[in-house]
């Protein structure tokens, strides 16, 4: 066994290699980037050709060899060993199975070591072909309780939002919550419960209408979010009561004439007086203003108009027509308002997960991007749950596409990441101001978001179904409807612990009539006066723009 240097192009693949499936483009790009930055750590193992040729057969390290070629290395070190009797089949099997990837905690410790040696987060990200955001996420582990780190080292990791919540809490708070939610042996952690126990609502300074003087009067001390983008005001307070109190006082001091302070309902909309109509155009002097706090604690205002009082015009409907008989009690809808809200949340989370993970063709992505901005929420009220403005969330992705001179410069992977991020921010099925309407349903159907919907066979959701809807849910199961609704529901909950249930109304595919109405309403109607009086159409002059040529230009650019 000895080491030699050789051109990676000269090495030949082993036909007995155990790995036949192609690796992912992302994995290959990562390997090539690391080889380009730090070289090959473990040289590939090769053996001379068995037929007496002068070449070498790769026994272990096919991906490393391809990565070296992609990194444009002219020469690499390889370990030369004698050929195996089985052609290297067993060696290839062991080499691909008996290795274990670095767990996130060890990755973090390695990153901290590199930082101590003078590496920047940007430099580490470039060397590993990772986003800087991923490096920052791993560095959050420095603020995590050691007992939690031990659990995470087993591969039991929280998602990014949960990790941020945990890292933002003190070690003493983490220790207390960990006692209550520490998993049993061989079980995974309910990180949602841990994060929920540590979560503190943040009220941001950028959403405050009051000034520093009023903030001091209410004892508000702003804290800086160290992980927020540098171009936005990321100061916040967890003293929600003080923040809302200061906002309330500001509204009282700045209430306009004919104004009132009101509350917001479950959908984040203001509770207006009965029969009041919102005014979206130019208000009149007689109109009223309602100020309220939205779900983020921001001051919002709307203008509304009260109807003119009606004059008496004869007998009432009852006096004129008499008693028409008892009115039949209204039937309970199949799904309550809470159930519809839950479906909206389920759809949005599934859609966003599909946009992030499902394979999507480039032309499909571009088409989705176009229809997304035809949605109802083009203000844009983000459905992703991110705080801050839509612009502040998208600006970092936009900045990745522009160089220091202001020219567009990006690769296809960067563009795809940016487009997916925009779609996640824009598209929403939530039943609030962020709802995108039918376009989010279309997008969800296109990217296969139905497969990302959660199991809805839970007590919480099934409570939202009527008897009729519950019995319909029994149709494709072995569960028989019971005399009592609660018994039917309990049986379904038990049944759906073993299999996934998705209510038909939660599926993304829009109703055919609803889709036809939407298309008809948004159809482009050609101008009847586009031609001459005799009905003919002029040919374009040399200085005119030919629509067909423009369309052809777009097609060529797309190709």
Protein backbone atom coordinates (compact mmCIF):
# COMPACT_ATOMS: atom_id res chain seq x y z
CA UNK A 1 0.00 0.00 0.00
CA UNK A 2 1.47 3.34 -1.00
CA UNK A 3 0.41 6.86 -1.97
CA UNK A 4 0.87 8.40 -5.41
CA UNK A 5 -0.28 11.57 -7.14
CA UNK A 6 -2.37 11.19 -10.30
CA UNK A 7 -4.70 13.11 -12.61
CA UNK A 8 -8.26 12.33 -11.41
CA UNK A 9 -9.37 12.07 -15.06
CA UNK A 10 -7.13 9.00 -15.41
CA UNK A 11 -8.97 6.98 -12.74
CA UNK A 12 -11.58 4.46 -13.89
CA UNK A 13 -14.89 3.66 -12.18
CA UNK A 14 -15.30 0.28 -10.51
CA UNK A 15 -18.14 -1.71 -12.17
CA UNK A 16 -18.66 -3.50 -8.81
CA UNK A 17 -19.23 -0.25 -6.89
CA UNK A 18 -22.20 -0.65 -4.49
CA UNK A 19 -23.47 2.89 -5.06
CA UNK A 20 -25.41 2.80 -8.33
CA UNK A 21 -27.94 5.57 -7.61
CA UNK A 22 -26.90 9.08 -8.55
CA UNK A 23 -26.15 11.47 -5.71
CA UNK A 24 -28.07 14.74 -5.50
CA UNK A 25 -26.79 17.82 -7.38
CA UNK A 26 -26.79 19.71 -4.06
CA UNK A 27 -24.60 17.04 -2.43
CA UNK A 28 -22.19 17.02 -5.37
CA UNK A 29 -21.98 20.83 -5.32
CA UNK A 30 -21.22 20.76 -1.57
CA UNK A 31 -18.46 18.16 -2.01
CA UNK A 32 -16.87 20.06 -4.92
CA UNK A 33 -16.94 23.31 -2.93
CA UNK A 34 -15.25 21.74 0.10
CA UNK A 35 -12.59 20.09 -2.07
CA UNK A 36 -11.92 23.41 -3.79
CA UNK A 37 -11.61 25.16 -0.40
CA UNK A 38 -9.61 22.65 1.66
CA UNK A 39 -8.68 19.80 -0.71
CA UNK A 40 -9.40 16.08 -0.33
CA UNK A 41 -9.12 15.08 3.33
CA UNK A 42 -9.18 11.29 2.78
CA UNK A 43 -7.53 10.15 -0.49
CA UNK A 44 -9.52 7.73 -2.67
CA UNK A 45 -8.42 4.07 -2.63
CA UNK A 46 -7.45 2.60 -6.02
CA UNK A 47 -5.95 -0.65 -7.32
CA UNK A 48 -4.15 -1.53 -10.56
CA UNK A 49 -6.22 -2.94 -13.40
CA UNK A 50 -6.47 -6.74 -13.07
CA UNK A 51 -5.90 -7.37 -16.79
CA UNK A 52 -2.37 -5.99 -16.66
CA UNK A 53 -3.22 -2.52 -17.93
CA UNK A 54 -1.50 0.64 -16.79
CA UNK A 55 -4.63 2.27 -15.36
CA UNK A 56 -6.12 2.29 -11.88
CA UNK A 57 -9.62 1.23 -10.74
CA UNK A 58 -11.36 3.23 -7.99
CA UNK A 59 -12.17 1.00 -5.01
CA UNK A 60 -13.45 3.75 -2.68
CA UNK A 61 -13.92 7.44 -3.40
CA UNK A 62 -15.89 7.73 -6.64
CA UNK A 63 -17.66 10.92 -5.46
CA UNK A 64 -14.39 12.42 -4.18
CA UNK A 65 -12.83 11.81 -7.59
CA UNK A 66 -15.75 13.44 -9.41
CA UNK A 67 -15.64 16.32 -6.90
CA UNK A 68 -11.94 16.83 -7.62
CA UNK A 69 -12.67 16.96 -11.35
CA UNK A 70 -15.49 19.47 -10.73
CA UNK A 71 -13.11 21.54 -8.60
CA UNK A 72 -10.69 21.50 -11.57
CA UNK A 73 -7.84 19.86 -9.66
CA UNK A 74 -5.14 18.65 -12.03
CA UNK A 75 -3.63 16.18 -9.54
CA UNK A 76 -4.78 14.40 -6.38
CA UNK A 77 -3.28 11.91 -3.93
CA UNK A 78 -4.62 8.33 -3.99
CA UNK A 79 -3.87 5.25 -1.92
CA UNK A 80 -2.81 2.32 -4.12
CA UNK A 81 -3.70 -1.13 -2.77
CA UNK A 82 -3.79 -4.64 -4.18
CA UNK A 83 -6.99 -5.61 -6.04
CA UNK A 84 -9.47 -7.69 -4.03
CA UNK A 85 -10.55 -11.17 -5.12
CA UNK A 86 -14.20 -10.05 -5.31
CA UNK A 87 -13.38 -6.98 -7.42
CA UNK A 88 -13.78 -4.74 -4.35
CA UNK A 89 -17.52 -5.47 -3.94
CA UNK A 90 -17.36 -6.00 -0.14
CA UNK A 91 -14.98 -3.05 0.38
CA UNK A 92 -17.36 -0.80 -1.58
CA UNK A 93 -20.32 -2.02 0.48
CA UNK A 94 -18.60 -1.38 3.81
CA UNK A 95 -17.25 2.00 2.71
CA UNK A 96 -20.73 3.26 1.83
CA UNK A 97 -22.65 1.78 4.78
CA UNK A 98 -20.37 1.86 7.82
CA UNK A 99 -19.88 5.63 7.92
CA UNK A 100 -21.97 8.11 9.88
CA UNK A 101 -22.50 11.79 9.02
CA UNK A 102 -21.46 14.51 11.46
CA UNK A 103 -24.39 15.36 13.76
CA UNK A 104 -25.49 19.02 14.07
CA UNK A 105 -23.93 19.48 17.53
CA UNK A 106 -20.52 18.27 16.30
CA UNK A 107 -20.94 20.51 13.24
CA UNK A 108 -21.50 23.47 15.59
CA UNK A 109 -18.42 22.61 17.67
CA UNK A 110 -16.35 22.38 14.50
CA UNK A 111 -17.69 25.75 13.33
CA UNK A 112 -16.83 27.36 16.67
CA UNK A 113 -13.31 25.96 16.34
CA UNK A 114 -12.98 27.50 12.87
CA UNK A 115 -14.27 30.85 14.16
CA UNK A 116 -11.66 30.75 16.94
CA UNK A 117 -9.02 30.20 14.26
CA UNK A 118 -10.11 33.35 12.42
CA UNK A 119 -12.67 32.03 9.92
CA UNK A 120 -15.69 34.24 9.28
CA UNK A 121 -19.25 32.89 9.02
CA UNK A 122 -19.27 33.90 5.36
CA UNK A 123 -15.99 32.08 4.71
CA UNK A 124 -17.20 28.90 6.41
CA UNK A 125 -20.46 29.03 4.43
CA UNK A 126 -18.57 29.43 1.15
CA UNK A 127 -16.20 26.55 1.95
CA UNK A 128 -19.07 24.22 2.85
CA UNK A 129 -21.42 25.49 0.13
CA UNK A 130 -24.01 26.38 2.78
CA UNK A 131 -26.10 29.47 3.39
CA UNK A 132 -24.76 31.88 6.02
CA UNK A 133 -28.18 31.50 7.65
CA UNK A 134 -27.44 27.80 8.25
CA UNK A 135 -24.13 28.65 9.92
CA UNK A 136 -25.87 31.21 12.15
CA UNK A 137 -28.55 28.65 13.01
CA UNK A 138 -25.93 26.12 14.16
CA UNK A 139 -24.19 28.79 16.23
CA UNK A 140 -27.42 29.24 18.21
CA UNK A 141 -26.47 25.97 19.94
CA UNK A 142 -23.96 27.93 22.02
CA UNK A 143 -26.92 29.23 24.06
CA UNK A 144 -28.58 25.83 24.60
CA UNK A 145 -28.66 23.79 27.83
CA UNK A 146 -25.98 21.03 27.73
CA UNK A 147 -28.60 18.35 28.49
CA UNK A 148 -30.56 19.47 25.42
CA UNK A 149 -27.35 19.43 23.35
CA UNK A 150 -26.80 15.79 24.31
CA UNK A 151 -30.28 14.97 22.99
CA UNK A 152 -29.71 16.95 19.79
CA UNK A 153 -26.41 15.11 19.23
CA UNK A 154 -28.48 11.93 18.78
CA UNK A 155 -30.06 13.50 15.70
CA UNK A 156 -33.19 14.65 17.57
CA UNK A 157 -33.17 18.30 16.40
CA UNK A 158 -35.82 21.05 16.71
CA UNK A 159 -36.70 23.16 13.69
CA UNK A 160 -35.15 26.61 13.26
CA UNK A 161 -38.01 28.56 14.83
CA UNK A 162 -38.05 26.27 17.89
CA UNK A 163 -34.26 26.48 18.18
CA UNK A 164 -34.37 30.27 18.13
CA UNK A 165 -36.99 30.28 20.90
CA UNK A 166 -34.93 27.88 23.03
CA UNK A 167 -31.67 29.81 22.49
CA UNK A 168 -33.36 33.11 23.40
CA UNK A 169 -34.31 31.80 26.87
CA UNK A 170 -31.97 31.79 29.86
CA UNK A 171 -30.23 28.57 30.91
CA UNK A 172 -32.26 28.57 34.14
CA UNK A 173 -35.53 28.77 32.16
CA UNK A 174 -34.37 26.02 29.80
CA UNK A 175 -33.45 23.80 32.74
CA UNK A 176 -36.90 24.21 34.29
CA UNK A 177 -38.77 23.43 31.07
CA UNK A 178 -36.45 20.51 30.21
CA UNK A 179 -37.39 18.83 33.51
CA UNK A 180 -41.04 18.83 32.45
CA UNK A 181 -40.53 17.76 28.82
CA UNK A 182 -37.42 15.59 28.88
CA UNK A 183 -38.16 12.50 26.73
CA UNK A 184 -38.05 8.96 28.05
CA UNK A 185 -35.32 6.59 26.96
CA UNK A 186 -35.37 5.81 23.21
CA UNK A 187 -38.08 8.43 22.60
CA UNK A 188 -37.82 11.68 20.64
CA UNK A 189 -38.34 15.08 22.17
CA UNK A 190 -41.50 17.13 21.73
CA UNK A 191 -39.55 20.24 20.79
CA UNK A 192 -42.81 22.06 20.14
CA UNK A 193 -43.71 21.64 23.82
CA UNK A 194 -40.23 22.77 24.90
CA UNK A 195 -40.33 25.85 22.68
CA UNK A 196 -43.92 26.61 23.71
CA UNK A 197 -42.90 26.49 27.37
CA UNK A 198 -40.10 28.97 26.69
CA UNK A 199 -41.80 31.21 24.15
CA UNK A 200 -42.31 34.84 24.97
CA UNK A 201 -44.26 37.08 22.66
CA UNK A 202 -42.03 39.73 21.15
CA UNK A 203 -43.36 43.21 20.48
CA UNK A 204 -41.08 45.09 18.09
CA UNK A 205 -40.05 48.73 18.31
CA UNK A 206 -40.66 49.16 14.58
CA UNK A 207 -44.37 48.43 15.21
CA UNK A 208 -44.68 51.00 17.99
CA UNK A 209 -46.56 54.24 17.33
CA UNK A 210 -45.55 55.73 20.70
CA UNK A 211 -42.27 57.59 21.24
CA UNK A 212 -39.36 56.97 23.63
CA UNK A 213 -40.91 59.22 26.29
CA UNK A 214 -44.04 57.08 26.48
CA UNK A 215 -41.90 53.93 26.38
CA UNK A 216 -39.97 55.13 29.44
CA UNK A 217 -43.23 55.99 31.21
CA UNK A 218 -44.37 52.37 30.80
CA UNK A 219 -40.96 50.98 31.76
CA UNK A 220 -40.24 49.43 28.34
CA UNK A 221 -36.60 48.41 27.84
CA UNK A 222 -35.79 47.43 24.26
CA UNK A 223 -33.65 44.34 23.57
CA UNK A 224 -31.67 43.88 20.34
CA UNK A 225 -32.25 40.73 18.25
CA UNK A 226 -28.70 39.79 17.31
CA UNK A 227 -29.81 37.39 14.56
CA UNK A 228 -32.06 39.82 12.69
CA UNK A 229 -31.02 41.39 9.35
CA UNK A 230 -28.72 44.37 9.83
CA UNK A 231 -30.87 46.75 7.74
CA UNK A 232 -33.95 46.69 9.98
CA UNK A 233 -34.87 47.88 13.48
CA UNK A 234 -34.87 44.58 15.39
CA UNK A 235 -35.37 45.96 18.92
CA UNK A 236 -38.12 44.21 20.86
CA UNK A 237 -39.66 43.77 24.30
CA UNK A 238 -41.38 40.78 25.88
CA UNK A 239 -43.38 43.05 28.20
CA UNK A 240 -46.52 42.72 26.11
CA UNK A 241 -48.80 44.39 28.64
CA UNK A 242 -46.64 47.52 28.79
CA UNK A 243 -46.29 47.68 24.99
CA UNK A 244 -50.04 47.39 24.40
CA UNK A 245 -50.72 49.88 27.18
CA UNK A 246 -48.44 52.46 25.53
CA UNK A 247 -50.08 51.80 22.15
CA UNK A 248 -53.52 52.23 23.72
CA UNK A 249 -52.53 55.54 25.32
CA UNK A 250 -51.09 56.76 22.02
CA UNK A 251 -54.39 55.98 20.27
CA UNK A 252 -56.32 57.82 22.98
CA UNK A 253 -54.09 60.90 22.60
CA UNK A 254 -54.26 60.85 18.80
CA UNK A 255 -57.89 59.87 18.21
CA UNK A 256 -59.31 61.95 15.31
CA UNK A 257 -62.66 63.69 15.30
CA UNK A 258 -65.55 61.20 14.88
CA UNK A 259 -63.09 58.52 15.96
CA UNK A 260 -63.41 55.49 18.21
CA UNK A 261 -61.11 52.81 19.61
CA UNK A 262 -62.27 49.26 18.96
CA UNK A 263 -61.10 45.66 19.24
CA UNK A 264 -60.08 43.21 16.51
CA UNK A 265 -61.97 39.96 15.91
CA UNK A 266 -60.63 36.41 15.43
CA UNK A 267 -59.66 37.22 11.84
CA UNK A 268 -57.73 40.33 12.79
CA UNK A 269 -60.42 42.68 11.48
CA UNK A 270 -61.85 45.60 13.51
CA UNK A 271 -65.18 45.19 15.27
CA UNK A 272 -67.27 48.00 13.76
CA UNK A 273 -70.70 49.16 14.96
CA UNK A 274 -73.67 47.20 13.69
CA UNK A 275 -74.63 48.05 10.07
CA UNK A 276 -71.43 50.08 9.61
CA UNK A 277 -69.87 49.92 6.13
CA UNK A 278 -66.13 50.23 5.56
CA UNK A 279 -65.07 53.05 3.26
CA UNK A 280 -62.26 52.20 0.84
CA UNK A 281 -62.41 55.32 -1.32
CA UNK A 282 -62.23 58.99 -0.42
CA UNK A 283 -63.97 59.52 2.93
CA UNK A 284 -66.64 62.14 3.60
CA UNK A 285 -66.62 64.61 6.46
CA UNK A 286 -69.46 62.70 8.10
CA UNK A 287 -67.54 59.40 8.06
CA UNK A 288 -66.03 57.87 11.19
CA UNK A 289 -62.58 56.46 11.99
CA UNK A 290 -61.96 53.34 14.04
CA UNK A 291 -58.50 52.71 15.51
CA UNK A 292 -57.47 49.28 16.78
CA UNK A 293 -54.50 47.05 17.53
CA UNK A 294 -53.89 44.14 15.17
CA UNK A 295 -52.43 40.76 16.12
CA UNK A 296 -48.88 42.13 16.09
CA UNK A 297 -49.84 45.00 18.38
CA UNK A 298 -49.57 47.57 15.57
CA UNK A 299 -51.96 50.52 15.45
CA UNK A 300 -54.32 50.29 12.48
CA UNK A 301 -57.19 52.53 11.43
CA UNK A 302 -60.16 52.14 9.10
CA UNK A 303 -62.86 54.53 7.93
CA UNK A 304 -66.49 53.47 8.14
CA UNK A 305 -69.86 54.95 7.30
CA UNK A 306 -73.16 54.53 9.12
CA UNK A 307 -76.38 54.15 7.05
CA UNK A 308 -78.85 57.01 6.83
CA UNK A 309 -81.80 56.56 9.24
CA UNK A 310 -84.83 55.24 7.40
CA UNK A 311 -88.18 56.98 7.52
CA UNK A 312 -91.30 55.07 8.52
CA UNK A 313 -93.11 53.93 5.35
CA UNK A 314 -96.19 52.08 6.50
CA UNK A 315 -96.80 48.75 8.09
CA UNK A 316 -94.01 46.51 9.22
CA UNK A 317 -93.33 43.27 7.43
CA UNK A 318 -95.06 41.38 10.20
CA UNK A 319 -98.12 43.65 10.19
CA UNK A 320 -98.40 43.48 6.43
CA UNK A 321 -97.83 39.82 5.86
CA UNK A 322 -98.77 38.45 9.25
CA UNK A 323 -97.00 35.68 11.06
CA UNK A 324 -95.71 33.34 8.36
CA UNK A 325 -95.19 30.49 10.82
CA UNK A 326 -92.30 29.26 12.88
CA UNK A 327 -88.87 29.48 11.30
CA UNK A 328 -87.00 26.19 11.14
CA UNK A 329 -83.86 26.20 13.27
CA UNK A 330 -80.69 26.73 11.28
CA UNK A 331 -78.71 23.55 10.72
CA UNK A 332 -75.17 23.35 11.97
CA UNK A 333 -72.67 23.61 9.09
CA UNK A 334 -70.54 20.56 8.36
CA UNK A 335 -67.41 22.43 9.49
CA UNK A 336 -67.37 25.24 12.05
CA UNK A 337 -65.54 28.52 11.59
CA UNK A 338 -62.73 27.20 13.79
CA UNK A 339 -62.49 24.15 11.56
CA UNK A 340 -62.25 26.36 8.47
CA UNK A 341 -59.51 28.36 10.19
CA UNK A 342 -57.62 25.16 10.97
CA UNK A 343 -57.94 24.01 7.37
CA UNK A 344 -56.53 27.35 6.22
CA UNK A 345 -53.54 26.88 8.52
CA UNK A 346 -53.07 23.24 7.46
CA UNK A 347 -53.15 24.20 3.79
CA UNK A 348 -50.73 27.08 4.21
CA UNK A 349 -48.16 25.00 6.14
CA UNK A 350 -48.46 22.15 3.62
CA UNK A 351 -48.17 24.54 0.66
CA UNK A 352 -45.07 26.19 2.10
CA UNK A 353 -43.46 22.81 2.84
CA UNK A 354 -44.20 21.64 -0.71
CA UNK A 355 -42.73 24.85 -2.17
CA UNK A 356 -39.60 24.25 -0.13
CA UNK A 357 -39.13 20.53 -0.70
CA UNK A 358 -41.13 19.26 -3.69
CA UNK A 359 -39.43 19.03 -7.12
CA UNK A 360 -40.66 21.95 -9.26
CA UNK A 361 -39.68 22.72 -12.84
CA UNK A 362 -38.23 26.17 -13.50
CA UNK A 363 -41.01 27.24 -15.87
CA UNK A 364 -43.58 26.14 -13.29
CA UNK A 365 -41.85 28.21 -10.63
CA UNK A 366 -41.97 31.30 -12.83
CA UNK A 367 -45.65 30.75 -13.65
CA UNK A 368 -46.43 30.34 -9.94
CA UNK A 369 -44.59 33.55 -9.20
CA UNK A 370 -46.80 35.39 -11.71
CA UNK A 371 -50.11 34.04 -10.41
CA UNK A 372 -49.02 34.56 -6.80
CA UNK A 373 -49.03 38.30 -7.31
CA UNK A 374 -52.56 38.09 -8.72
CA UNK A 375 -53.74 36.98 -5.27
CA UNK A 376 -55.95 38.87 -2.89
CA UNK A 377 -53.03 39.59 -0.58
CA UNK A 378 -50.85 41.61 -2.90
CA UNK A 379 -50.38 44.26 -0.23
CA UNK A 380 -48.39 41.91 0.79
CA UNK A 381 -49.51 40.48 4.17
CA UNK A 382 -47.19 37.49 4.51
CA UNK A 383 -48.67 34.09 5.28
CA UNK A 384 -45.35 32.58 6.42
CA UNK A 385 -45.65 33.84 9.98
CA UNK A 386 -42.55 36.03 9.70
CA UNK A 387 -42.61 39.30 11.58
CA UNK A 388 -41.63 42.49 9.83
CA UNK A 389 -42.51 43.79 6.40
CA UNK A 390 -42.60 41.73 3.23
CA UNK A 391 -39.80 43.89 1.85
CA UNK A 392 -37.52 43.18 4.83
CA UNK A 393 -38.06 39.43 4.45
CA UNK A 394 -37.38 39.37 0.70
CA UNK A 395 -34.60 42.00 0.57
CA UNK A 396 -31.80 39.58 1.63
CA UNK A 397 -32.77 37.19 -1.18
CA UNK A 398 -32.92 40.04 -3.67
CA UNK A 399 -29.48 41.24 -2.55
CA UNK A 400 -28.05 37.79 -3.39
CA UNK A 401 -28.97 38.37 -7.04
CA UNK A 402 -27.12 41.71 -7.41
CA UNK A 403 -23.37 42.38 -7.37
CA UNK A 404 -21.47 45.39 -6.00
CA UNK A 405 -21.88 47.35 -9.26
CA UNK A 406 -25.65 46.92 -9.41
CA UNK A 407 -25.65 44.25 -12.14
CA UNK A 408 -27.64 41.03 -11.87
CA UNK A 409 -25.34 38.11 -11.14
CA UNK A 410 -26.54 34.75 -9.85
CA UNK A 411 -26.57 31.05 -10.61
CA UNK A 412 -29.70 28.99 -11.13
CA UNK A 413 -29.60 27.50 -7.62
CA UNK A 414 -29.52 30.96 -6.04
CA UNK A 415 -32.41 32.10 -8.23
CA UNK A 416 -34.47 29.03 -7.37
CA UNK A 417 -33.94 29.61 -3.64
CA UNK A 418 -34.99 33.26 -4.01
CA UNK A 419 -38.12 32.41 -6.04
CA UNK A 420 -39.20 29.72 -3.58
CA UNK A 421 -38.70 32.16 -0.69
CA UNK A 422 -40.84 34.80 -2.41
CA UNK A 423 -43.59 32.26 -3.06
CA UNK A 424 -43.52 31.16 0.59
CA UNK A 425 -43.87 34.77 1.74
CA UNK A 426 -46.69 35.59 -0.69
CA UNK A 427 -48.92 32.52 -0.90
CA UNK A 428 -51.27 31.89 2.01
CA UNK A 429 -54.49 29.98 2.66
CA UNK A 430 -54.95 31.41 6.16
CA UNK A 431 -58.36 32.95 6.81
CA UNK A 432 -57.08 36.42 7.59
CA UNK A 433 -55.67 39.44 5.77
CA UNK A 434 -52.90 37.32 4.22
CA UNK A 435 -55.29 35.01 2.28
CA UNK A 436 -54.22 34.69 -1.37
CA UNK A 437 -57.58 33.29 -2.49
CA UNK A 438 -57.86 30.71 -5.25
CA UNK A 439 -54.30 31.23 -6.50
CA UNK A 440 -52.87 29.58 -3.37
CA UNK A 441 -55.14 26.58 -4.02
CA UNK A 442 -53.95 26.39 -7.63
CA UNK A 443 -50.31 26.59 -6.51
CA UNK A 444 -50.83 23.91 -3.88
CA UNK A 445 -52.40 21.54 -6.42
CA UNK A 446 -49.56 22.16 -8.90
CA UNK A 447 -46.73 21.43 -6.44
CA UNK A 448 -48.48 18.46 -4.77
CA UNK A 449 -49.00 20.13 -1.38
CA UNK A 450 -51.82 17.65 -0.56
CA UNK A 451 -49.16 15.10 0.40
CA UNK A 452 -47.74 17.54 2.99
CA UNK A 453 -51.06 18.05 4.83
CA UNK A 454 -50.96 16.73 8.42
CA UNK A 455 -53.12 14.01 9.90
CA UNK A 456 -56.43 15.77 10.62
CA UNK A 457 -57.90 12.79 12.48
CA UNK A 458 -57.37 14.52 15.82
CA UNK A 459 -59.79 15.37 18.60
CA UNK A 460 -59.18 19.08 18.05
CA UNK A 461 -60.20 19.02 14.37
CA UNK A 462 -62.92 16.36 14.53
CA UNK A 463 -64.69 18.49 17.17
CA UNK A 464 -65.27 20.96 14.34
CA UNK A 465 -67.27 18.46 12.26
CA UNK A 466 -71.03 17.93 12.39
CA UNK A 467 -72.63 14.51 12.88
CA UNK A 468 -73.18 14.26 9.12
CA UNK A 469 -69.54 15.09 8.36
CA UNK A 470 -68.25 12.69 11.03
CA UNK A 471 -70.36 9.85 9.64
CA UNK A 472 -69.07 10.67 6.15
CA UNK A 473 -65.52 10.35 7.52
CA UNK A 474 -66.41 6.80 8.62
CA UNK A 475 -67.26 5.76 5.06
CA UNK A 476 -63.77 4.63 4.01
CA UNK A 477 -62.87 3.13 7.40
CA UNK A 478 -63.85 0.15 9.50
CA UNK A 479 -65.44 2.51 12.05
CA UNK A 480 -69.23 2.35 12.30
CA UNK A 481 -71.18 5.48 13.34
CA UNK A 482 -72.34 5.40 16.99
CA UNK A 483 -75.57 6.69 18.46
CA UNK A 484 -73.70 9.49 20.19
CA UNK A 485 -71.57 11.91 18.22
CA UNK A 486 -68.81 11.93 20.83
CA UNK A 487 -68.54 8.13 20.64
CA UNK A 488 -68.19 8.29 16.85
CA UNK A 489 -65.56 10.98 17.21
CA UNK A 490 -63.61 9.00 19.84
CA UNK A 491 -63.63 5.91 17.61
CA UNK A 492 -62.35 7.93 14.65
CA UNK A 493 -59.57 9.51 16.73
CA UNK A 494 -58.43 6.06 17.81
CA UNK A 495 -58.64 4.74 14.23
CA UNK A 496 -56.69 7.62 12.71
CA UNK A 497 -53.80 7.15 15.13
CA UNK A 498 -52.71 4.35 12.80
CA UNK A 499 -53.38 6.04 9.45
CA UNK A 500 -53.48 9.57 8.05
CA UNK A 501 -56.81 11.33 7.54
CA UNK A 502 -57.27 14.42 5.38
CA UNK A 503 -60.73 15.97 5.12
CA UNK A 504 -61.84 16.38 1.51
CA UNK A 505 -62.49 20.09 1.96
CA UNK A 506 -58.82 20.64 2.87
CA UNK A 507 -57.51 19.38 -0.47
CA UNK A 508 -56.00 22.06 -2.67
CA UNK A 509 -57.65 21.41 -6.04
CA UNK A 510 -60.15 24.30 -6.53
CA UNK A 511 -63.77 23.70 -7.49
CA UNK A 512 -64.24 23.70 -11.27
CA UNK A 513 -66.96 26.37 -11.16
CA UNK A 514 -64.91 28.56 -8.82
CA UNK A 515 -61.90 28.21 -11.12
CA UNK A 516 -63.99 29.04 -14.21
CA UNK A 517 -65.43 32.14 -12.52
CA UNK A 518 -61.95 33.30 -11.52
CA UNK A 519 -60.60 32.81 -15.03
CA UNK A 520 -63.60 34.56 -16.59
CA UNK A 521 -63.32 37.49 -14.19
CA UNK A 522 -59.62 37.93 -14.96
CA UNK A 523 -59.79 37.22 -18.68
CA UNK A 524 -58.03 39.72 -20.93
CA UNK A 525 -60.64 41.28 -23.22
CA UNK A 526 -59.37 42.67 -26.50
CA UNK A 527 -60.37 46.17 -27.49
CA UNK A 528 -63.06 46.07 -30.20
CA UNK A 529 -61.74 49.37 -31.54
CA UNK A 530 -58.26 47.99 -32.17
CA UNK A 531 -58.90 47.74 -35.93
CA UNK A 532 -59.91 50.30 -38.54
CA UNK A 533 -63.47 51.30 -39.18
CA UNK A 534 -63.76 48.63 -41.88
CA UNK A 535 -62.63 45.95 -39.43
CA UNK A 536 -59.09 45.55 -40.82
CA UNK A 537 -55.97 45.78 -38.69
CA UNK A 538 -52.96 47.86 -39.75
CA UNK A 539 -49.64 46.10 -40.22
CA UNK A 540 -47.01 47.49 -37.82
CA UNK A 541 -44.70 50.18 -39.13
CA UNK A 542 -40.95 49.85 -38.73
CA UNK A 543 -41.07 51.94 -35.54
CA UNK A 544 -44.01 50.06 -34.04
CA UNK A 545 -43.73 47.16 -31.60
CA UNK A 546 -44.82 43.81 -33.02
CA UNK A 547 -46.57 41.79 -30.24
CA UNK A 548 -45.61 38.51 -31.93
CA UNK A 549 -41.97 39.55 -31.95
CA UNK A 550 -42.17 40.44 -28.25
CA UNK A 551 -43.69 37.03 -27.45
CA UNK A 552 -40.98 35.33 -29.51
CA UNK A 553 -38.35 37.32 -27.60
CA UNK A 554 -39.73 36.13 -24.28
CA UNK A 555 -39.69 32.53 -25.53
CA UNK A 556 -36.07 32.84 -26.66
CA UNK A 557 -35.09 34.36 -23.30
CA UNK A 558 -36.83 31.53 -21.45
CA UNK A 559 -34.99 28.95 -23.57
